[in-house]
Amino acid sequence: MFGIQEMLPFLILALGGALVVGNIAALVRPPEKRQKDTDLEQAPLVRSLVMAAIGLVASIWAIASLLS
C-alpha cells in the first residue's frame, strides 16, 4: 500500500505539471471576454513565467525522484 513517502513525488509531479500547463495556457490563450470589470485582459507575463518555471523545476525534481 502507498505511504506518504511513496506518494509525495506523484503529488509534486501533479502540482508542478498543473503550474506549467495552467500558466502557459493563460499566456497563450487569454479569455475572450472579461466576466467582471476587475478581471485582467491578459495574464501578467513575468509572474506567469516565474510560476511556470517553478512548476517545471518541481516536475523535473519529481521525475528524478521517481526514476531513482
Protein backbone atom coordinates (compact mmCIF):
# COMPACT_ATOMS: atom_id res chain seq x y z
CA MET A 1 0.00 0.00 0.00
CA PHE A 2 1.15 3.55 -0.71
CA GLY A 3 2.50 5.59 2.15
CA ILE A 4 3.17 9.32 2.17
CA GLN A 5 6.83 8.74 1.22
CA GLU A 6 5.82 6.94 -1.98
CA MET A 7 3.01 9.33 -2.83
CA LEU A 8 4.87 12.63 -2.37
CA PRO A 9 6.74 12.60 -5.74
CA PHE A 10 3.46 11.89 -7.56
CA LEU A 11 1.77 14.81 -5.81
CA ILE A 12 4.69 17.13 -6.59
CA LEU A 13 4.63 15.99 -10.22
CA ALA A 14 0.91 16.73 -10.48
CA LEU A 15 1.27 20.14 -8.83
CA GLY A 16 4.28 21.11 -10.95
CA GLY A 17 2.61 19.97 -14.14
CA ALA A 18 -0.51 21.95 -13.32
CA LEU A 19 1.58 25.06 -12.67
CA VAL A 20 3.35 24.74 -16.01
CA VAL A 21 0.31 23.95 -18.12
CA GLY A 22 -2.01 26.43 -16.43
CA ASN A 23 0.31 29.40 -16.62
CA ILE A 24 1.42 28.74 -20.18
CA ALA A 25 -2.22 28.30 -21.24
CA ALA A 26 -3.12 31.61 -19.58
CA LEU A 27 -0.40 33.35 -21.60
CA VAL A 28 -1.11 31.66 -24.91
CA ARG A 29 -4.89 31.86 -24.84
CA PRO A 30 -6.31 34.58 -22.59
CA PRO A 31 -10.09 34.73 -22.03
CA GLU A 32 -12.07 36.09 -24.97
CA LYS A 33 -14.12 38.43 -22.79
CA ARG A 34 -13.92 39.66 -19.23
CA GLN A 35 -16.54 38.42 -16.78
CA LYS A 36 -16.16 41.35 -14.36
CA ASP A 37 -14.63 44.80 -14.55
CA THR A 38 -11.93 43.70 -12.11
CA ASP A 39 -10.72 40.81 -14.34
CA LEU A 40 -7.47 41.29 -16.23
CA GLU A 41 -7.48 41.26 -20.02
CA GLN A 42 -4.25 39.26 -20.10
CA ALA A 43 -2.24 37.29 -17.54
CA PRO A 44 0.81 39.10 -16.11
CA LEU A 45 3.78 37.94 -18.18
CA VAL A 46 6.58 37.88 -15.61
CA ARG A 47 4.50 36.32 -12.85
CA SER A 48 3.19 33.62 -15.18
CA LEU A 49 6.67 32.78 -16.46
CA VAL A 50 8.09 32.60 -12.92
CA MET A 51 5.27 30.31 -11.78
CA ALA A 52 5.72 28.11 -14.87
CA ALA A 53 9.46 27.88 -14.14
CA ILE A 54 8.77 26.87 -10.53
CA GLY A 55 6.38 24.21 -11.78
CA LEU A 56 8.96 22.95 -14.27
CA VAL A 57 11.62 22.63 -11.56
CA ALA A 58 9.17 20.79 -9.31
CA SER A 59 8.19 18.44 -12.13
CA ILE A 60 11.80 17.66 -13.01
CA TRP A 61 12.58 17.01 -9.34
CA ALA A 62 9.60 14.68 -9.02
CA ILE A 63 10.50 12.75 -12.18
CA ALA A 64 14.11 12.38 -10.97
CA SER A 65 12.85 11.13 -7.59
CA LEU A 66 10.55 8.61 -9.25
CA LEU A 67 13.28 7.28 -11.54
CA SER A 68 15.92 6.93 -8.83
